[in-house]
Amino acid sequence: GVQARFDEAVELLTELGATVSEVSCPHFAYALPAYYLIAPSEASSNLARFDSVRYGLRVGDDGVHSLEEVTSITRAAGFGAEVKRRIILGTYALSSGYYDAYYGQAQKVRTLITRDFTAAFEHVDVLVSPASPGVAFPIGAKLNDPLAMYRQDLATIPSNLYGGPAMSLPAGLSEGLPVGLQVMAPTMRDDLLYLVGGALEAALHDRWGGPLLASIPVLEV
């Protein structure tokens, strides 16, 4: 599974000369709920500009509909289901009486996660983890289950909240599907990502006899 491919990649890094040690980042566990308060709130605020008057698409401006109706029709036509979902969540989190309870608390969690990263990078150059808790899934398989989709972001969200660079690369196959490995570095140290990621990718290609994509069976469409 994912854990087995991750362990193999870490072992390969050790063979390449890396010193591997575990670090504690206790607030990473709260990253997922914090992110899905902060990101929708910011999306709700930023997307308010698309009101059919000043920016972007305009639908229903036929001289019959009122400005409010044109705005409603335009936003209904222009935003997809996930965008609408995030706007609703964000608007609620930013509403009077809930701002401090939700958005404000999530920002405090963001600060704690940043401190976790800062403390960890005092002991190691980069952090590695699985890129997601499961293998890649078929396109569209989880569209009707937004929470399942959100849970796939579990491992990558901490870096988004921290604001540091991160990359993912193939680490092997499980159940015939790709498993990703994530490398995270301190802010402004993208060079470390490419150094570690490039070395690991080259070693994995040597082990596989070529890129992982060549090993994946062609799926019927």
N, C-alpha and C. Protein backbone atom coordinates (compact mmCIF):
# COMPACT_ATOMS: atom_id res chain seq x y z
N GLY A 1 0.80 -1.19 0.00
CA GLY A 1 0.00 0.00 0.00
C GLY A 1 0.85 1.26 0.00
N VAL A 2 0.23 2.36 0.35
CA VAL A 2 0.90 3.65 0.38
C VAL A 2 2.07 3.63 1.35
N GLN A 3 1.85 3.08 2.55
CA GLN A 3 2.91 3.06 3.56
C GLN A 3 4.13 2.26 3.09
N ALA A 4 3.89 1.14 2.41
CA ALA A 4 4.99 0.31 1.93
C ALA A 4 5.83 1.05 0.90
N ARG A 5 5.18 1.73 -0.06
CA ARG A 5 5.93 2.48 -1.08
C ARG A 5 6.69 3.64 -0.44
N PHE A 6 6.07 4.28 0.55
CA PHE A 6 6.74 5.39 1.24
C PHE A 6 7.98 4.89 1.98
N ASP A 7 7.84 3.78 2.69
CA ASP A 7 8.97 3.23 3.44
C ASP A 7 10.11 2.85 2.49
N GLU A 8 9.77 2.30 1.33
CA GLU A 8 10.79 1.94 0.34
C GLU A 8 11.53 3.18 -0.16
N ALA A 9 10.79 4.27 -0.38
CA ALA A 9 11.42 5.50 -0.86
C ALA A 9 12.34 6.09 0.20
N VAL A 10 11.91 6.05 1.46
CA VAL A 10 12.76 6.56 2.55
C VAL A 10 14.02 5.71 2.68
N GLU A 11 13.88 4.40 2.53
CA GLU A 11 15.05 3.52 2.58
C GLU A 11 16.02 3.84 1.45
N LEU A 12 15.47 4.15 0.28
CA LEU A 12 16.32 4.50 -0.86
C LEU A 12 17.05 5.82 -0.61
N LEU A 13 16.38 6.77 0.02
CA LEU A 13 17.04 8.03 0.38
C LEU A 13 18.21 7.77 1.33
N THR A 14 18.01 6.83 2.25
CA THR A 14 19.09 6.47 3.18
C THR A 14 20.27 5.88 2.42
N GLU A 15 19.98 5.02 1.44
CA GLU A 15 21.04 4.43 0.62
C GLU A 15 21.80 5.50 -0.17
N LEU A 16 21.11 6.59 -0.51
CA LEU A 16 21.74 7.67 -1.26
C LEU A 16 22.57 8.58 -0.36
N GLY A 17 22.54 8.33 0.95
CA GLY A 17 23.37 9.10 1.87
C GLY A 17 22.62 10.03 2.80
N ALA A 18 21.30 10.04 2.72
CA ALA A 18 20.52 10.91 3.60
C ALA A 18 20.47 10.34 5.01
N THR A 19 20.45 11.22 5.99
CA THR A 19 20.22 10.82 7.37
C THR A 19 18.75 11.05 7.68
N VAL A 20 18.06 10.01 8.07
CA VAL A 20 16.61 10.07 8.28
C VAL A 20 16.31 10.06 9.77
N SER A 21 15.48 10.99 10.20
CA SER A 21 15.04 11.01 11.59
C SER A 21 13.60 11.50 11.64
N GLU A 22 12.87 11.07 12.65
CA GLU A 22 11.48 11.48 12.82
C GLU A 22 11.42 12.80 13.60
N VAL A 23 10.47 13.64 13.22
CA VAL A 23 10.23 14.89 13.94
C VAL A 23 8.76 14.95 14.32
N SER A 24 8.45 15.75 15.32
CA SER A 24 7.08 15.88 15.79
C SER A 24 6.46 17.18 15.28
N CYS A 25 5.32 17.05 14.62
CA CYS A 25 4.55 18.21 14.15
C CYS A 25 3.11 18.01 14.62
N PRO A 26 2.86 18.23 15.90
CA PRO A 26 1.58 17.83 16.50
C PRO A 26 0.36 18.54 15.94
N HIS A 27 0.54 19.74 15.39
CA HIS A 27 -0.63 20.49 14.94
C HIS A 27 -1.01 20.20 13.49
N PHE A 28 -0.23 19.35 12.81
CA PHE A 28 -0.59 18.97 11.45
C PHE A 28 -1.97 18.29 11.43
N ALA A 29 -2.33 17.66 12.53
CA ALA A 29 -3.61 16.95 12.60
C ALA A 29 -4.80 17.89 12.43
N TYR A 30 -4.59 19.18 12.69
CA TYR A 30 -5.68 20.15 12.59
C TYR A 30 -5.65 20.93 11.28
N ALA A 31 -4.71 20.57 10.39
CA ALA A 31 -4.55 21.34 9.15
C ALA A 31 -5.76 21.24 8.24
N LEU A 32 -6.33 20.05 8.12
CA LEU A 32 -7.44 19.86 7.19
C LEU A 32 -8.65 20.73 7.54
N PRO A 33 -9.17 20.68 8.78
CA PRO A 33 -10.31 21.55 9.09
C PRO A 33 -9.95 23.03 9.04
N ALA A 34 -8.71 23.39 9.43
CA ALA A 34 -8.32 24.80 9.38
C ALA A 34 -8.30 25.30 7.94
N TYR A 35 -7.73 24.49 7.06
CA TYR A 35 -7.64 24.89 5.65
C TYR A 35 -9.02 25.09 5.04
N TYR A 36 -9.95 24.18 5.36
CA TYR A 36 -11.27 24.28 4.75
C TYR A 36 -12.19 25.28 5.45
N LEU A 37 -11.62 26.05 6.36
CA LEU A 37 -12.25 27.28 6.82
C LEU A 37 -11.57 28.49 6.18
N ILE A 38 -10.24 28.47 6.13
CA ILE A 38 -9.49 29.61 5.60
C ILE A 38 -9.67 29.75 4.09
N ALA A 39 -9.47 28.66 3.34
CA ALA A 39 -9.54 28.74 1.88
C ALA A 39 -10.93 29.15 1.38
N PRO A 40 -12.02 28.55 1.86
CA PRO A 40 -13.34 29.01 1.41
C PRO A 40 -13.63 30.46 1.81
N SER A 41 -13.15 30.87 2.97
CA SER A 41 -13.37 32.26 3.39
C SER A 41 -12.69 33.22 2.44
N GLU A 42 -11.46 32.92 2.07
CA GLU A 42 -10.73 33.79 1.15
C GLU A 42 -11.32 33.72 -0.25
N ALA A 43 -11.79 32.53 -0.64
CA ALA A 43 -12.43 32.39 -1.95
C ALA A 43 -13.72 33.21 -2.00
N SER A 44 -14.50 33.14 -0.94
CA SER A 44 -15.75 33.90 -0.88
C SER A 44 -15.49 35.39 -1.03
N SER A 45 -14.47 35.88 -0.33
CA SER A 45 -14.13 37.30 -0.40
C SER A 45 -13.60 37.69 -1.77
N ASN A 46 -12.68 36.89 -2.31
CA ASN A 46 -12.06 37.23 -3.60
C ASN A 46 -13.04 37.14 -4.76
N LEU A 47 -13.93 36.15 -4.72
CA LEU A 47 -14.85 35.94 -5.85
C LEU A 47 -16.05 36.87 -5.83
N ALA A 48 -16.17 37.66 -4.77
CA ALA A 48 -17.28 38.63 -4.71
C ALA A 48 -17.18 39.66 -5.83
N ARG A 49 -15.98 39.85 -6.38
CA ARG A 49 -15.79 40.84 -7.45
C ARG A 49 -16.51 40.44 -8.73
N PHE A 50 -16.75 39.14 -8.90
CA PHE A 50 -17.41 38.68 -10.12
C PHE A 50 -18.92 38.83 -9.96
N ASP A 51 -19.37 40.06 -10.13
CA ASP A 51 -20.77 40.41 -9.87
C ASP A 51 -21.55 40.71 -11.14
N SER A 52 -20.97 40.40 -12.31
CA SER A 52 -21.56 40.62 -13.64
C SER A 52 -21.49 42.07 -14.08
N VAL A 53 -20.93 42.94 -13.24
CA VAL A 53 -20.84 44.37 -13.58
C VAL A 53 -19.41 44.78 -13.86
N ARG A 54 -18.52 44.49 -12.94
CA ARG A 54 -17.14 44.98 -13.05
C ARG A 54 -16.19 44.00 -13.71
N TYR A 55 -16.39 42.70 -13.48
CA TYR A 55 -15.43 41.71 -13.97
C TYR A 55 -16.15 40.54 -14.62
N GLY A 56 -15.47 39.94 -15.58
CA GLY A 56 -15.84 38.62 -16.07
C GLY A 56 -17.16 38.51 -16.81
N LEU A 57 -17.75 37.34 -16.67
CA LEU A 57 -18.94 36.93 -17.41
C LEU A 57 -20.15 37.79 -17.05
N ARG A 58 -21.06 37.95 -18.03
CA ARG A 58 -22.36 38.57 -17.77
C ARG A 58 -23.43 37.79 -18.52
N VAL A 59 -24.41 37.28 -17.79
CA VAL A 59 -25.48 36.47 -18.37
C VAL A 59 -26.82 37.06 -17.95
N GLY A 60 -27.77 37.11 -18.88
CA GLY A 60 -29.13 37.55 -18.55
C GLY A 60 -29.34 39.04 -18.64
N ASP A 61 -28.36 39.77 -19.18
CA ASP A 61 -28.49 41.23 -19.30
C ASP A 61 -29.28 41.55 -20.57
N ASP A 62 -30.58 41.35 -20.50
CA ASP A 62 -31.43 41.49 -21.68
C ASP A 62 -32.40 42.67 -21.58
N GLY A 63 -32.20 43.51 -20.58
CA GLY A 63 -33.09 44.65 -20.39
C GLY A 63 -34.35 44.32 -19.64
N VAL A 64 -34.56 43.06 -19.34
CA VAL A 64 -35.75 42.63 -18.61
C VAL A 64 -35.42 42.35 -17.15
N HIS A 65 -34.28 41.67 -16.94
CA HIS A 65 -33.88 41.30 -15.58
C HIS A 65 -33.27 42.48 -14.84
N SER A 66 -33.50 42.52 -13.54
CA SER A 66 -32.90 43.55 -12.70
C SER A 66 -31.41 43.25 -12.50
N LEU A 67 -30.68 44.23 -11.96
CA LEU A 67 -29.25 44.03 -11.69
C LEU A 67 -29.04 42.85 -10.75
N GLU A 68 -29.86 42.77 -9.73
CA GLU A 68 -29.73 41.66 -8.77
C GLU A 68 -29.96 40.33 -9.46
N GLU A 69 -30.93 40.27 -10.36
CA GLU A 69 -31.22 39.03 -11.08
C GLU A 69 -30.09 38.67 -12.03
N VAL A 70 -29.53 39.67 -12.72
CA VAL A 70 -28.42 39.41 -13.63
C VAL A 70 -27.22 38.87 -12.86
N THR A 71 -26.95 39.47 -11.71
CA THR A 71 -25.84 38.98 -10.87
C THR A 71 -26.07 37.54 -10.46
N SER A 72 -27.28 37.22 -10.03
CA SER A 72 -27.60 35.86 -9.59
C SER A 72 -27.48 34.87 -10.74
N ILE A 73 -28.02 35.23 -11.90
CA ILE A 73 -27.96 34.34 -13.07
C ILE A 73 -26.52 34.13 -13.51
N THR A 74 -25.73 35.21 -13.51
CA THR A 74 -24.34 35.14 -13.94
C THR A 74 -23.52 34.24 -13.03
N ARG A 75 -23.66 34.43 -11.73
CA ARG A 75 -22.87 33.63 -10.79
C ARG A 75 -23.31 32.16 -10.80
N ALA A 76 -24.60 31.93 -11.03
CA ALA A 76 -25.09 30.55 -11.13
C ALA A 76 -24.51 29.85 -12.36
N ALA A 77 -24.37 30.62 -13.45
CA ALA A 77 -23.86 30.04 -14.70
C ALA A 77 -22.34 29.92 -14.70
N GLY A 78 -21.67 30.86 -14.05
CA GLY A 78 -20.21 30.93 -14.15
C GLY A 78 -19.45 30.09 -13.14
N PHE A 79 -20.05 29.81 -11.99
CA PHE A 79 -19.35 29.06 -10.95
C PHE A 79 -19.81 27.61 -10.94
N GLY A 80 -18.84 26.70 -10.83
CA GLY A 80 -19.15 25.28 -10.73
C GLY A 80 -19.59 24.89 -9.34
N ALA A 81 -19.93 23.63 -9.17
CA ALA A 81 -20.48 23.15 -7.89
C ALA A 81 -19.49 23.33 -6.74
N GLU A 82 -18.22 23.01 -6.97
CA GLU A 82 -17.24 23.12 -5.88
C GLU A 82 -17.00 24.58 -5.50
N VAL A 83 -16.98 25.47 -6.49
CA VAL A 83 -16.79 26.89 -6.20
C VAL A 83 -17.97 27.42 -5.38
N LYS A 84 -19.18 27.06 -5.78
CA LYS A 84 -20.36 27.49 -5.03
C LYS A 84 -20.32 26.96 -3.60
N ARG A 85 -19.88 25.72 -3.46
CA ARG A 85 -19.80 25.12 -2.13
C ARG A 85 -18.84 25.91 -1.24
N ARG A 86 -17.71 26.30 -1.82
CA ARG A 86 -16.72 27.04 -1.03
C ARG A 86 -17.19 28.46 -0.72
N ILE A 87 -17.91 29.07 -1.65
CA ILE A 87 -18.44 30.41 -1.39
C ILE A 87 -19.43 30.36 -0.22
N ILE A 88 -20.29 29.35 -0.21
CA ILE A 88 -21.28 29.22 0.87
C ILE A 88 -20.57 29.00 2.21
N LEU A 89 -19.59 28.09 2.23
CA LEU A 89 -18.85 27.83 3.46
C LEU A 89 -18.12 29.09 3.94
N GLY A 90 -17.45 29.76 3.00
CA GLY A 90 -16.68 30.94 3.36
C GLY A 90 -17.53 32.09 3.82
N THR A 91 -18.65 32.30 3.16
CA THR A 91 -19.55 33.39 3.56
C THR A 91 -20.08 33.15 4.97
N TYR A 92 -20.40 31.90 5.27
CA TYR A 92 -20.88 31.57 6.62
C TYR A 92 -19.78 31.81 7.66
N ALA A 93 -18.55 31.36 7.34
CA ALA A 93 -17.45 31.49 8.31
C ALA A 93 -17.09 32.95 8.57
N LEU A 94 -17.33 33.82 7.58
CA LEU A 94 -16.99 35.23 7.74
C LEU A 94 -18.16 36.08 8.24
N SER A 95 -19.31 35.47 8.41
CA SER A 95 -20.50 36.23 8.79
C SER A 95 -20.41 36.73 10.23
N SER A 96 -21.19 37.74 10.51
CA SER A 96 -21.19 38.35 11.84
C SER A 96 -21.54 37.32 12.91
N GLY A 97 -20.73 37.28 13.94
CA GLY A 97 -20.97 36.33 15.02
C GLY A 97 -20.21 35.03 14.87
N TYR A 98 -19.67 34.76 13.68
CA TYR A 98 -18.96 33.51 13.44
C TYR A 98 -17.50 33.73 13.04
N TYR A 99 -17.14 34.96 12.70
CA TYR A 99 -15.78 35.25 12.21
C TYR A 99 -14.72 34.78 13.22
N ASP A 100 -14.85 35.23 14.46
CA ASP A 100 -13.85 34.86 15.48
C ASP A 100 -13.91 33.38 15.82
N ALA A 101 -15.11 32.82 15.81
CA ALA A 101 -15.28 31.42 16.21
C ALA A 101 -14.72 30.46 15.18
N TYR A 102 -14.75 30.84 13.90
CA TYR A 102 -14.31 29.93 12.84
C TYR A 102 -13.04 30.43 12.14
N TYR A 103 -13.14 31.51 11.39
CA TYR A 103 -11.99 32.00 10.63
C TYR A 103 -10.85 32.41 11.56
N GLY A 104 -11.18 33.12 12.62
CA GLY A 104 -10.14 33.57 13.56
C GLY A 104 -9.42 32.40 14.21
N GLN A 105 -10.16 31.38 14.63
CA GLN A 105 -9.55 30.21 15.25
C GLN A 105 -8.70 29.43 14.24
N ALA A 106 -9.18 29.35 13.00
CA ALA A 106 -8.41 28.64 11.98
C ALA A 106 -7.08 29.33 11.71
N GLN A 107 -7.06 30.65 11.75
CA GLN A 107 -5.81 31.38 11.55
C GLN A 107 -4.83 31.13 12.71
N LYS A 108 -5.36 30.93 13.90
CA LYS A 108 -4.49 30.59 15.03
C LYS A 108 -3.86 29.22 14.83
N VAL A 109 -4.65 28.28 14.31
CA VAL A 109 -4.11 26.95 14.00
C VAL A 109 -3.03 27.06 12.93
N ARG A 110 -3.25 27.93 11.96
CA ARG A 110 -2.24 28.15 10.91
C ARG A 110 -0.91 28.60 11.52
N THR A 111 -0.98 29.47 12.51
CA THR A 111 0.24 29.93 13.19
C THR A 111 0.93 28.77 13.90
N LEU A 112 0.16 27.91 14.55
CA LEU A 112 0.74 26.76 15.25
C LEU A 112 1.42 25.80 14.27
N ILE A 113 0.81 25.61 13.10
CA ILE A 113 1.41 24.74 12.08
C ILE A 113 2.71 25.34 11.57
N THR A 114 2.73 26.65 11.38
CA THR A 114 3.96 27.33 10.96
C THR A 114 5.06 27.12 11.99
N ARG A 115 4.71 27.19 13.26
CA ARG A 115 5.70 26.96 14.32
C ARG A 115 6.20 25.52 14.30
N ASP A 116 5.31 24.57 13.99
CA ASP A 116 5.74 23.17 13.86
C ASP A 116 6.80 23.03 12.78
N PHE A 117 6.55 23.65 11.62
CA PHE A 117 7.52 23.59 10.53
C PHE A 117 8.85 24.22 10.94
N THR A 118 8.77 25.40 11.55
CA THR A 118 9.98 26.11 11.95
C THR A 118 10.81 25.27 12.91
N ALA A 119 10.14 24.64 13.87
CA ALA A 119 10.85 23.80 14.84
C ALA A 119 11.45 22.57 14.16
N ALA A 120 10.70 21.97 13.23
CA ALA A 120 11.20 20.77 12.55
C ALA A 120 12.43 21.07 11.72
N PHE A 121 12.43 22.23 11.04
CA PHE A 121 13.54 22.56 10.15
C PHE A 121 14.79 23.02 10.92
N GLU A 122 14.69 23.08 12.23
CA GLU A 122 15.90 23.29 13.03
C GLU A 122 16.69 22.00 13.17
N HIS A 123 16.05 20.86 12.85
CA HIS A 123 16.69 19.56 13.02
C HIS A 123 16.92 18.83 11.70
N VAL A 124 16.13 19.14 10.67
CA VAL A 124 16.27 18.45 9.38
C VAL A 124 16.24 19.48 8.25
N ASP A 125 16.74 19.07 7.09
CA ASP A 125 16.76 19.96 5.92
C ASP A 125 15.42 19.96 5.20
N VAL A 126 14.81 18.77 5.06
CA VAL A 126 13.51 18.65 4.40
C VAL A 126 12.66 17.65 5.17
N LEU A 127 11.36 17.71 4.94
CA LEU A 127 10.43 16.72 5.47
C LEU A 127 9.89 15.90 4.30
N VAL A 128 9.63 14.62 4.54
CA VAL A 128 9.00 13.79 3.52
C VAL A 128 7.79 13.10 4.13
N SER A 129 6.80 12.87 3.30
CA SER A 129 5.58 12.18 3.72
C SER A 129 4.89 11.62 2.49
N PRO A 130 3.92 10.73 2.65
CA PRO A 130 3.09 10.38 1.50
C PRO A 130 2.39 11.64 0.98
N ALA A 131 2.12 11.69 -0.31
CA ALA A 131 1.43 12.84 -0.89
C ALA A 131 -0.07 12.80 -0.61
N SER A 132 -0.60 11.61 -0.40
CA SER A 132 -2.02 11.45 -0.07
C SER A 132 -2.19 10.15 0.70
N PRO A 133 -3.27 10.02 1.45
CA PRO A 133 -3.46 8.80 2.25
C PRO A 133 -3.82 7.56 1.43
N GLY A 134 -4.20 7.75 0.17
CA GLY A 134 -4.58 6.62 -0.67
C GLY A 134 -3.94 6.71 -2.03
N VAL A 135 -4.14 5.67 -2.82
CA VAL A 135 -3.61 5.66 -4.19
C VAL A 135 -4.45 6.58 -5.07
N ALA A 136 -3.94 6.87 -6.25
CA ALA A 136 -4.71 7.66 -7.21
C ALA A 136 -6.01 6.93 -7.53
N PHE A 137 -7.08 7.68 -7.69
CA PHE A 137 -8.38 7.06 -7.98
C PHE A 137 -8.85 7.50 -9.37
N PRO A 138 -9.75 6.75 -9.97
CA PRO A 138 -10.22 7.09 -11.32
C PRO A 138 -10.81 8.50 -11.39
N ILE A 139 -10.63 9.15 -12.52
CA ILE A 139 -11.16 10.50 -12.72
C ILE A 139 -12.67 10.50 -12.49
N GLY A 140 -13.11 11.43 -11.65
CA GLY A 140 -14.53 11.57 -11.39
C GLY A 140 -15.10 10.62 -10.35
N ALA A 141 -14.24 9.75 -9.78
CA ALA A 141 -14.75 8.72 -8.87
C ALA A 141 -15.33 9.29 -7.58
N LYS A 142 -14.85 10.45 -7.14
CA LYS A 142 -15.28 10.99 -5.86
C LYS A 142 -16.02 12.32 -5.99
N LEU A 143 -16.49 12.63 -7.19
CA LEU A 143 -17.16 13.91 -7.40
C LEU A 143 -18.41 14.05 -6.55
N ASN A 144 -19.06 12.95 -6.25
CA ASN A 144 -20.30 13.01 -5.46
C ASN A 144 -20.05 12.89 -3.96
N ASP A 145 -18.79 12.88 -3.57
CA ASP A 145 -18.44 12.79 -2.15
C ASP A 145 -17.36 13.82 -1.84
N PRO A 146 -17.74 15.09 -1.68
CA PRO A 146 -16.74 16.15 -1.45
C PRO A 146 -15.84 15.90 -0.25
N LEU A 147 -16.39 15.32 0.82
CA LEU A 147 -15.57 15.08 2.01
C LEU A 147 -14.46 14.07 1.71
N ALA A 148 -14.76 13.07 0.90
CA ALA A 148 -13.73 12.10 0.52
C ALA A 148 -12.64 12.78 -0.31
N MET A 149 -13.04 13.70 -1.17
CA MET A 149 -12.07 14.46 -1.95
C MET A 149 -11.19 15.31 -1.03
N TYR A 150 -11.82 15.98 -0.07
CA TYR A 150 -11.07 16.85 0.85
C TYR A 150 -10.06 16.04 1.66
N ARG A 151 -10.44 14.83 2.05
CA ARG A 151 -9.53 14.01 2.86
C ARG A 151 -8.27 13.61 2.10
N GLN A 152 -8.34 13.60 0.78
CA GLN A 152 -7.15 13.28 -0.01
C GLN A 152 -6.08 14.37 0.11
N ASP A 153 -6.47 15.55 0.59
CA ASP A 153 -5.54 16.67 0.74
C ASP A 153 -4.82 16.65 2.09
N LEU A 154 -5.07 15.64 2.89
CA LEU A 154 -4.60 15.60 4.27
C LEU A 154 -3.11 15.89 4.41
N ALA A 155 -2.28 15.31 3.54
CA ALA A 155 -0.83 15.42 3.70
C ALA A 155 -0.25 16.69 3.07
N THR A 156 -0.92 17.26 2.09
CA THR A 156 -0.35 18.40 1.38
C THR A 156 -0.78 19.75 1.94
N ILE A 157 -1.86 19.77 2.71
CA ILE A 157 -2.38 21.04 3.23
C ILE A 157 -1.44 21.75 4.20
N PRO A 158 -0.72 21.03 5.09
CA PRO A 158 0.18 21.76 6.01
C PRO A 158 1.14 22.71 5.30
N SER A 159 1.73 22.30 4.19
CA SER A 159 2.64 23.19 3.46
C SER A 159 1.92 24.40 2.90
N ASN A 160 0.67 24.20 2.46
CA ASN A 160 -0.11 25.33 1.95
C ASN A 160 -0.35 26.37 3.04
N LEU A 161 -0.63 25.91 4.24
CA LEU A 161 -0.87 26.83 5.35
C LEU A 161 0.43 27.49 5.80
N TYR A 162 1.51 26.75 5.75
CA TYR A 162 2.82 27.26 6.15
C TYR A 162 3.36 28.27 5.15
N GLY A 163 3.12 28.01 3.86
CA GLY A 163 3.62 28.90 2.82
C GLY A 163 5.00 28.52 2.32
N GLY A 164 5.43 27.30 2.63
CA GLY A 164 6.73 26.84 2.16
C GLY A 164 6.60 26.00 0.90
N PRO A 165 7.72 25.78 0.20
CA PRO A 165 7.68 24.99 -1.04
C PRO A 165 7.53 23.50 -0.76
N ALA A 166 6.86 22.82 -1.66
CA ALA A 166 6.69 21.37 -1.57
C ALA A 166 6.50 20.80 -2.96
N MET A 167 6.87 19.55 -3.14
CA MET A 167 6.64 18.88 -4.42
C MET A 167 6.26 17.43 -4.16
N SER A 168 5.58 16.84 -5.11
CA SER A 168 5.28 15.42 -5.02
C SER A 168 5.83 14.72 -6.26
N LEU A 169 6.22 13.48 -6.08
CA LEU A 169 6.74 12.70 -7.19
C LEU A 169 6.32 11.25 -7.03
N PRO A 170 6.25 10.49 -8.12
CA PRO A 170 5.82 9.09 -8.03
C PRO A 170 6.78 8.27 -7.18
N ALA A 171 6.22 7.44 -6.31
CA ALA A 171 7.05 6.60 -5.44
C ALA A 171 6.83 5.12 -5.72
N GLY A 172 5.98 4.79 -6.67
CA GLY A 172 5.72 3.39 -6.98
C GLY A 172 4.24 3.15 -7.23
N LEU A 173 3.88 1.88 -7.32
CA LEU A 173 2.50 1.50 -7.58
C LEU A 173 1.94 0.68 -6.44
N SER A 174 0.65 0.83 -6.21
CA SER A 174 -0.08 -0.02 -5.28
C SER A 174 -1.43 -0.29 -5.91
N GLU A 175 -1.81 -1.54 -5.99
CA GLU A 175 -3.06 -1.93 -6.65
C GLU A 175 -3.05 -1.48 -8.11
N GLY A 176 -1.85 -1.38 -8.69
CA GLY A 176 -1.72 -0.97 -10.08
C GLY A 176 -1.88 0.52 -10.31
N LEU A 177 -1.94 1.31 -9.23
CA LEU A 177 -2.14 2.75 -9.34
C LEU A 177 -1.01 3.50 -8.64
N PRO A 178 -0.72 4.73 -9.09
CA PRO A 178 0.44 5.46 -8.55
C PRO A 178 0.28 5.87 -7.09
N VAL A 179 1.40 5.84 -6.38
CA VAL A 179 1.51 6.36 -5.02
C VAL A 179 2.47 7.54 -5.07
N GLY A 180 2.11 8.64 -4.41
CA GLY A 180 2.95 9.83 -4.43
C GLY A 180 3.73 10.01 -3.14
N LEU A 181 4.92 10.58 -3.26
CA LEU A 181 5.73 10.97 -2.10
C LEU A 181 5.92 12.47 -2.14
N GLN A 182 5.78 13.12 -1.00
CA GLN A 182 5.89 14.57 -0.91
C GLN A 182 7.19 14.98 -0.21
N VAL A 183 7.84 16.00 -0.75
CA VAL A 183 9.03 16.59 -0.13
C VAL A 183 8.69 18.03 0.23
N MET A 184 8.96 18.44 1.47
CA MET A 184 8.67 19.79 1.94
C MET A 184 9.95 20.45 2.43
N ALA A 185 10.11 21.73 2.13
CA ALA A 185 11.34 22.45 2.49
C ALA A 185 10.99 23.77 3.16
N PRO A 186 11.96 24.41 3.81
CA PRO A 186 11.71 25.72 4.41
C PRO A 186 11.41 26.77 3.34
N THR A 187 10.83 27.88 3.75
CA THR A 187 10.56 28.97 2.81
C THR A 187 11.85 29.44 2.15
N MET A 188 11.75 29.73 0.85
CA MET A 188 12.86 30.23 0.05
C MET A 188 13.97 29.19 -0.14
N ARG A 189 13.66 27.92 0.10
CA ARG A 189 14.66 26.87 -0.12
C ARG A 189 14.16 25.85 -1.13
N ASP A 190 13.65 26.36 -2.23
CA ASP A 190 13.20 25.49 -3.31
C ASP A 190 14.34 24.61 -3.82
N ASP A 191 15.57 25.12 -3.70
CA ASP A 191 16.72 24.36 -4.19
C ASP A 191 16.83 23.01 -3.51
N LEU A 192 16.46 22.95 -2.22
CA LEU A 192 16.52 21.68 -1.50
C LEU A 192 15.52 20.68 -2.06
N LEU A 193 14.36 21.18 -2.48
CA LEU A 193 13.35 20.29 -3.08
C LEU A 193 13.90 19.62 -4.32
N TYR A 194 14.51 20.43 -5.19
CA TYR A 194 15.02 19.88 -6.45
C TYR A 194 16.21 18.95 -6.21
N LEU A 195 17.01 19.27 -5.20
CA LEU A 195 18.15 18.42 -4.89
C LEU A 195 17.69 17.04 -4.42
N VAL A 196 16.79 17.02 -3.45
CA VAL A 196 16.31 15.75 -2.90
C VAL A 196 15.39 15.04 -3.91
N GLY A 197 14.44 15.79 -4.47
CA GLY A 197 13.51 15.18 -5.41
C GLY A 197 14.20 14.64 -6.65
N GLY A 198 15.16 15.39 -7.18
CA GLY A 198 15.87 14.94 -8.37
C GLY A 198 16.69 13.68 -8.12
N ALA A 199 17.36 13.63 -6.96
CA ALA A 199 18.17 12.45 -6.63
C ALA A 199 17.28 11.22 -6.44
N LEU A 200 16.16 11.41 -5.74
CA LEU A 200 15.26 10.27 -5.51
C LEU A 200 14.62 9.80 -6.81
N GLU A 201 14.19 10.74 -7.64
CA GLU A 201 13.56 10.37 -8.91
C GLU A 201 14.53 9.58 -9.78
N ALA A 202 15.79 10.04 -9.86
CA ALA A 202 16.78 9.34 -10.68
C ALA A 202 17.02 7.93 -10.16
N ALA A 203 17.10 7.79 -8.83
CA ALA A 203 17.33 6.46 -8.24
C ALA A 203 16.13 5.54 -8.48
N LEU A 204 14.93 6.09 -8.38
CA LEU A 204 13.73 5.28 -8.62
C LEU A 204 13.66 4.85 -10.09
N HIS A 205 14.01 5.75 -10.99
CA HIS A 205 14.01 5.40 -12.41
C HIS A 205 15.01 4.27 -12.69
N ASP A 206 16.15 4.32 -12.02
CA ASP A 206 17.14 3.24 -12.19
C ASP A 206 16.56 1.92 -11.69
N ARG A 207 15.85 1.99 -10.58
CA ARG A 207 15.28 0.77 -10.00
C ARG A 207 14.16 0.22 -10.88
N TRP A 208 13.35 1.11 -11.44
CA TRP A 208 12.21 0.69 -12.26
C TRP A 208 12.61 0.39 -13.71
N GLY A 209 13.78 0.84 -14.12
CA GLY A 209 14.18 0.69 -15.51
C GLY A 209 13.56 1.73 -16.42
N GLY A 210 13.13 2.85 -15.85
CA GLY A 210 12.51 3.93 -16.63
C GLY A 210 11.45 4.63 -15.81
N PRO A 211 10.78 5.63 -16.39
CA PRO A 211 9.73 6.35 -15.66
C PRO A 211 8.59 5.44 -15.23
N LEU A 212 7.97 5.77 -14.12
CA LEU A 212 6.88 4.95 -13.59
C LEU A 212 5.72 4.86 -14.57
N LEU A 213 5.48 5.93 -15.32
CA LEU A 213 4.34 5.96 -16.24
C LEU A 213 4.39 4.80 -17.22
N ALA A 214 5.61 4.39 -17.57
CA ALA A 214 5.75 3.29 -18.53
C ALA A 214 5.30 1.96 -17.93
N SER A 215 5.20 1.90 -16.58
CA SER A 215 4.82 0.65 -15.92
C SER A 215 3.33 0.55 -15.65
N ILE A 216 2.61 1.65 -15.86
CA ILE A 216 1.18 1.67 -15.55
C ILE A 216 0.39 1.08 -16.71
N PRO A 217 -0.47 0.11 -16.46
CA PRO A 217 -1.25 -0.48 -17.55
C PRO A 217 -2.21 0.55 -18.14
N VAL A 218 -2.45 0.42 -19.43
CA VAL A 218 -3.38 1.32 -20.11
C VAL A 218 -4.79 1.01 -19.63
N LEU A 219 -5.49 2.04 -19.17
CA LEU A 219 -6.84 1.85 -18.66
C LEU A 219 -7.85 2.04 -19.78
N GLU A 220 -8.87 1.21 -19.78
CA GLU A 220 -9.92 1.36 -20.78
C GLU A 220 -10.78 2.57 -20.45
N VAL A 221 -11.09 3.36 -21.44
CA VAL A 221 -11.91 4.56 -21.25
C VAL A 221 -13.35 4.24 -21.62
